[in-house]
């Protein structure tokens, strides 16, 4: 089953397979030129996974705002209220299930790992012409490719991957004020080694990478909160410092940016499988 709502640049497409059965799956594919605000969402009958291949998602469950980045999705079990937002020109897949993936049993709401095969298969079933047998086989492999949040590697890890460890932690909380030397102490390496690892992995120093992460996270939130609040949520001590950094990166102020990139909002209409 496939249906389409609206036309690009703002659209929502639905792809359903095996609906009515416990092992069915419904995939909603959202895309907007000006950001996506999926709204506060609660499903009493369905579990939901949100995943984007091309940008971070801001997730709200309870009082805090957390972000999920590359290689991750956001899992919300049935009857858990949550809010998910995405940035401009970003595709978001919302996967609705009646069955809990084995690795996520007992998990209410959290960032989860989305494996490489699952990331490849999700878009493959959210397209015209995908037959039900193929889609349901892919569904089993997608669920097998989901994993509970990974623990931070122990501080005695050696070799490559120091920057990746720090990046994963900061991707969840860009406002984390930990300095490069403090991260290095936690990982039991020198600050120089960690800086070199950031340069090798991301082609830029730690402070530059963190600034870009914070500003990209801010773009997801600007439509839903005042500039001052967003500045603090992504780690800036003042709105003026945030505005200066934002304008330097994007050539426009946060206020002008939100005026130009008006977000698409979707209503939390109940979905049934």
Protein backbone atom coordinates (compact mmCIF):
# COMPACT_ATOMS: atom_id res chain seq x y z
CA UNK A 1 0.00 0.00 0.00
CA UNK A 2 1.36 3.41 -0.94
CA UNK A 3 -0.12 6.87 -0.53
CA UNK A 4 1.21 10.40 -0.94
CA UNK A 5 0.29 13.61 0.89
CA UNK A 6 1.22 16.90 -0.70
CA UNK A 7 3.96 17.58 -3.20
CA UNK A 8 7.65 18.37 -2.86
CA UNK A 9 9.31 20.29 -1.30
CA UNK A 10 7.01 19.28 1.59
CA UNK A 11 5.67 15.75 1.45
CA UNK A 12 4.73 12.65 3.36
CA UNK A 13 4.58 9.25 1.69
CA UNK A 14 3.15 6.10 3.28
CA UNK A 15 4.23 2.53 2.53
CA UNK A 16 2.40 -0.27 4.33
CA UNK A 17 3.01 -4.03 4.16
CA UNK A 18 1.18 -6.81 5.96
CA UNK A 19 -1.09 -4.32 7.70
CA UNK A 20 -3.41 -5.93 10.22
CA UNK A 21 -0.91 -8.64 11.16
CA UNK A 22 1.49 -8.48 14.12
CA UNK A 23 4.44 -8.68 11.75
CA UNK A 24 3.27 -5.82 9.52
CA UNK A 25 5.13 -2.58 8.98
CA UNK A 26 4.14 0.96 8.04
CA UNK A 27 6.83 3.40 6.88
CA UNK A 28 6.13 7.12 6.61
CA UNK A 29 8.70 9.07 4.61
CA UNK A 30 8.80 12.82 5.34
CA UNK A 31 10.72 15.49 3.51
CA UNK A 32 10.58 19.27 3.66
CA UNK A 33 12.68 22.16 2.41
CA UNK A 34 12.16 24.08 5.65
CA UNK A 35 12.52 21.60 8.49
CA UNK A 36 10.16 19.09 10.02
CA UNK A 37 8.25 19.35 13.29
CA UNK A 38 6.51 16.02 13.79
CA UNK A 39 4.73 17.33 16.86
CA UNK A 40 4.10 15.68 20.20
CA UNK A 41 3.30 12.11 19.40
CA UNK A 42 1.87 9.24 21.41
CA UNK A 43 0.73 5.96 19.96
CA UNK A 44 -1.05 3.59 22.32
CA UNK A 45 -0.97 0.72 19.85
CA UNK A 46 2.28 1.12 17.92
CA UNK A 47 5.99 1.26 18.58
CA UNK A 48 7.87 3.80 16.47
CA UNK A 49 11.39 4.24 15.14
CA UNK A 50 12.55 7.54 13.64
CA UNK A 51 15.62 7.56 11.42
CA UNK A 52 17.23 10.05 9.07
CA UNK A 53 20.08 9.25 6.67
CA UNK A 54 21.20 12.83 6.18
CA UNK A 55 21.09 14.83 9.41
CA UNK A 56 20.53 14.86 13.16
CA UNK A 57 17.17 14.50 14.86
CA UNK A 58 16.21 16.45 17.98
CA UNK A 59 14.19 14.24 20.30
CA UNK A 60 12.17 15.26 23.32
CA UNK A 61 11.05 12.74 25.90
CA UNK A 62 10.45 14.31 29.27
CA UNK A 63 12.17 17.62 30.08
CA UNK A 64 15.41 17.14 28.14
CA UNK A 65 16.36 17.57 24.48
CA UNK A 66 18.67 14.91 23.08
CA UNK A 67 20.02 14.43 19.61
CA UNK A 68 20.57 11.32 17.53
CA UNK A 69 23.11 11.37 14.75
CA UNK A 70 24.69 9.23 12.07
CA UNK A 71 24.13 5.51 12.52
CA UNK A 72 21.35 6.03 15.06
CA UNK A 73 17.59 6.29 15.28
CA UNK A 74 15.13 7.23 18.01
CA UNK A 75 12.97 4.47 19.47
CA UNK A 76 9.67 5.24 21.21
CA UNK A 77 7.66 2.35 22.61
CA UNK A 78 3.89 2.40 22.51
CA UNK A 79 2.17 4.81 24.92
CA UNK A 80 5.33 6.92 25.37
CA UNK A 81 4.85 10.62 24.60
CA UNK A 82 7.66 12.12 22.54
CA UNK A 83 8.52 14.85 20.05
CA UNK A 84 10.89 14.58 17.10
CA UNK A 85 12.24 17.39 14.91
CA UNK A 86 14.52 17.53 11.90
CA UNK A 87 16.38 20.23 10.03
CA UNK A 88 15.86 21.76 6.62
CA UNK A 89 16.16 19.60 3.48
CA UNK A 90 16.20 16.44 5.54
CA UNK A 91 14.44 13.13 4.94
CA UNK A 92 12.97 11.35 7.97
CA UNK A 93 11.58 7.82 8.06
CA UNK A 94 9.02 7.00 10.74
CA UNK A 95 8.63 3.23 11.10
CA UNK A 96 5.54 1.95 12.89
CA UNK A 97 5.50 -1.56 14.34
CA UNK A 98 3.38 -3.78 16.55
CA UNK A 99 6.36 -5.98 17.40
CA UNK A 100 9.36 -4.96 19.51
CA UNK A 101 12.77 -5.81 18.01
CA UNK A 102 14.47 -8.36 20.28
CA UNK A 103 17.40 -6.08 21.14
CA UNK A 104 15.06 -3.27 22.22
CA UNK A 105 12.85 -5.29 24.56
CA UNK A 106 12.00 -3.21 27.63
CA UNK A 107 13.33 0.04 26.16
CA UNK A 108 10.85 2.92 26.44
CA UNK A 109 12.49 5.81 24.57
CA UNK A 110 16.14 6.24 23.60
CA UNK A 111 18.66 6.62 20.83
CA UNK A 112 19.34 3.22 19.27
CA UNK A 113 21.93 1.91 16.86
CA UNK A 114 20.83 1.38 13.24
CA UNK A 115 23.15 -1.04 11.46
CA UNK A 116 24.47 -0.55 7.94
CA UNK A 117 22.15 -3.17 6.41
CA UNK A 118 19.09 -1.75 8.19
CA UNK A 119 20.04 1.74 6.96
CA UNK A 120 20.20 0.39 3.41
CA UNK A 121 16.93 -1.51 3.63
CA UNK A 122 14.72 1.20 5.16
CA UNK A 123 14.76 3.41 2.02
CA UNK A 124 14.41 0.33 -0.19
CA UNK A 125 10.93 -0.44 1.16
CA UNK A 126 9.83 3.22 1.20
CA UNK A 127 9.46 3.43 -2.56
CA UNK A 128 6.98 2.68 -5.27
CA UNK A 129 7.01 -0.80 -6.71
CA UNK A 130 8.36 -2.66 -3.69
CA UNK A 131 6.31 -5.85 -3.37
CA UNK A 132 5.01 -7.10 -0.03
CA UNK A 133 7.06 -10.31 0.10
CA UNK A 134 10.31 -8.38 -0.43
CA UNK A 135 9.31 -5.70 2.07
CA UNK A 136 8.39 -8.14 4.85
CA UNK A 137 11.66 -10.03 4.36
CA UNK A 138 13.48 -6.70 4.61
CA UNK A 139 11.48 -5.86 7.74
CA UNK A 140 12.90 -8.89 9.56
CA UNK A 141 16.44 -7.83 8.68
CA UNK A 142 15.79 -4.21 9.64
CA UNK A 143 14.58 -5.26 13.09
CA UNK A 144 17.61 -7.54 13.47
CA UNK A 145 19.84 -4.57 12.64
CA UNK A 146 18.62 -2.44 15.56
CA UNK A 147 20.52 -2.42 18.84
CA UNK A 148 20.14 -0.79 22.23
CA UNK A 149 22.27 2.26 23.02
CA UNK A 150 25.95 1.33 23.03
CA UNK A 151 27.96 1.87 26.16
CA UNK A 152 30.81 4.38 25.93
CA UNK A 153 34.02 2.42 25.26
CA UNK A 154 36.13 1.93 28.39
CA UNK A 155 38.81 4.55 29.02
CA UNK A 156 41.64 2.09 28.40
CA UNK A 157 40.75 1.71 24.71
CA UNK A 158 43.88 2.05 22.58
CA UNK A 159 44.46 2.78 18.91
CA UNK A 160 42.23 4.71 16.51
CA UNK A 161 38.73 5.80 17.44
CA UNK A 162 39.31 8.39 20.17
CA UNK A 163 37.65 11.15 18.15
CA UNK A 164 34.77 8.84 17.27
CA UNK A 165 34.15 8.14 20.95
CA UNK A 166 34.01 11.84 21.76
CA UNK A 167 31.91 12.63 18.70
CA UNK A 168 29.30 10.03 19.62
CA UNK A 169 28.92 11.49 23.11
CA UNK A 170 28.69 15.07 21.84
CA UNK A 171 26.21 14.13 19.11
CA UNK A 172 23.74 13.23 21.86
CA UNK A 173 24.42 16.41 23.84
CA UNK A 174 26.08 19.23 21.84
CA UNK A 175 25.90 21.49 24.93
CA UNK A 176 28.37 19.30 26.82
CA UNK A 177 31.06 21.79 27.94
CA UNK A 178 33.87 19.22 28.29
CA UNK A 179 37.16 20.56 26.92
CA UNK A 180 39.51 18.66 24.63
CA UNK A 181 42.05 18.10 27.44
CA UNK A 182 39.30 16.76 29.71
CA UNK A 183 38.19 14.28 27.06
CA UNK A 184 41.81 13.26 26.61
CA UNK A 185 42.14 12.61 30.36
CA UNK A 186 39.05 10.41 30.30
CA UNK A 187 40.46 8.41 27.39
CA UNK A 188 43.94 8.31 28.95
CA UNK A 189 45.63 9.82 25.95
CA UNK A 190 47.33 13.16 25.39
CA UNK A 191 45.38 16.16 24.15
CA UNK A 192 47.74 16.27 21.17
CA UNK A 193 46.86 12.67 20.25
CA UNK A 194 43.12 13.38 20.48
CA UNK A 195 43.49 16.54 18.40
CA UNK A 196 45.38 14.60 15.72
CA UNK A 197 42.64 11.97 15.72
CA UNK A 198 39.98 14.65 15.14
CA UNK A 199 42.02 16.08 12.29
CA UNK A 200 42.41 12.61 10.74
CA UNK A 201 38.77 11.54 11.19
CA UNK A 202 37.00 14.83 10.39
CA UNK A 203 39.58 17.02 8.67
CA UNK A 204 39.33 19.76 11.31
CA UNK A 205 40.26 20.50 14.94
CA UNK A 206 38.02 19.56 17.85
CA UNK A 207 36.70 23.08 18.49
CA UNK A 208 35.78 23.59 14.84
CA UNK A 209 34.00 20.22 14.69
CA UNK A 210 32.08 20.96 17.89
CA UNK A 211 31.02 24.38 16.59
CA UNK A 212 29.63 22.86 13.40
CA UNK A 213 27.81 20.19 15.39
CA UNK A 214 26.23 22.78 17.69
CA UNK A 215 25.10 25.00 14.83
CA UNK A 216 23.60 22.12 12.89
CA UNK A 217 21.73 21.01 16.00
CA UNK A 218 20.50 24.58 16.46
CA UNK A 219 18.96 24.59 12.99
CA UNK A 220 16.69 21.74 14.08
CA UNK A 221 15.42 23.69 17.10
CA UNK A 222 15.13 27.27 15.87
CA UNK A 223 11.55 26.97 14.66
CA UNK A 224 10.29 25.81 18.06
CA UNK A 225 12.15 27.94 20.62
CA UNK A 226 13.51 31.48 21.09
CA UNK A 227 17.07 32.16 20.00
CA UNK A 228 18.29 32.59 23.58
CA UNK A 229 16.90 29.21 24.63
CA UNK A 230 18.33 27.46 21.56
CA UNK A 231 21.72 29.06 22.23
CA UNK A 232 21.81 27.51 25.71
CA UNK A 233 20.43 24.16 24.51
CA UNK A 234 23.35 23.73 22.10
CA UNK A 235 26.04 25.00 24.45
CA UNK A 236 26.47 28.76 24.01
CA UNK A 237 26.79 30.93 27.11
CA UNK A 238 25.00 33.86 25.47
CA UNK A 239 22.66 34.56 22.59
CA UNK A 240 25.13 37.07 21.13
CA UNK A 241 27.90 34.47 20.92
CA UNK A 242 25.50 32.06 19.25
CA UNK A 243 24.26 34.66 16.74
CA UNK A 244 27.83 35.59 15.83
CA UNK A 245 28.84 31.96 15.25
CA UNK A 246 25.65 31.21 13.30
CA UNK A 247 26.08 34.22 11.01
CA UNK A 248 29.72 33.35 10.39
CA UNK A 249 28.80 29.78 9.42
CA UNK A 250 25.65 30.39 7.37
CA UNK A 251 25.84 34.04 6.32
CA UNK A 252 22.56 34.94 8.01
CA UNK A 253 21.26 35.46 11.54
CA UNK A 254 19.15 32.79 13.28
CA UNK A 255 16.11 35.08 13.04
CA UNK A 256 16.47 35.60 9.29
CA UNK A 257 17.14 31.88 8.85
CA UNK A 258 13.89 30.83 10.51
CA UNK A 259 11.95 33.37 8.44
CA UNK A 260 13.38 31.97 5.24
CA UNK A 261 13.14 28.29 6.20
CA UNK A 262 9.63 27.97 7.61
CA UNK A 263 9.22 24.40 8.93
CA UNK A 264 6.62 21.93 7.78
CA UNK A 265 4.49 20.68 10.65
CA UNK A 266 2.73 17.37 10.58
CA UNK A 267 -0.28 16.59 12.71
CA UNK A 268 0.05 13.66 15.12
CA UNK A 269 -2.81 11.77 13.46
CA UNK A 270 -3.15 8.26 14.90
CA UNK A 271 -1.72 5.52 12.71
CA UNK A 272 -3.09 2.01 12.68
CA UNK A 273 -1.54 -1.27 11.64
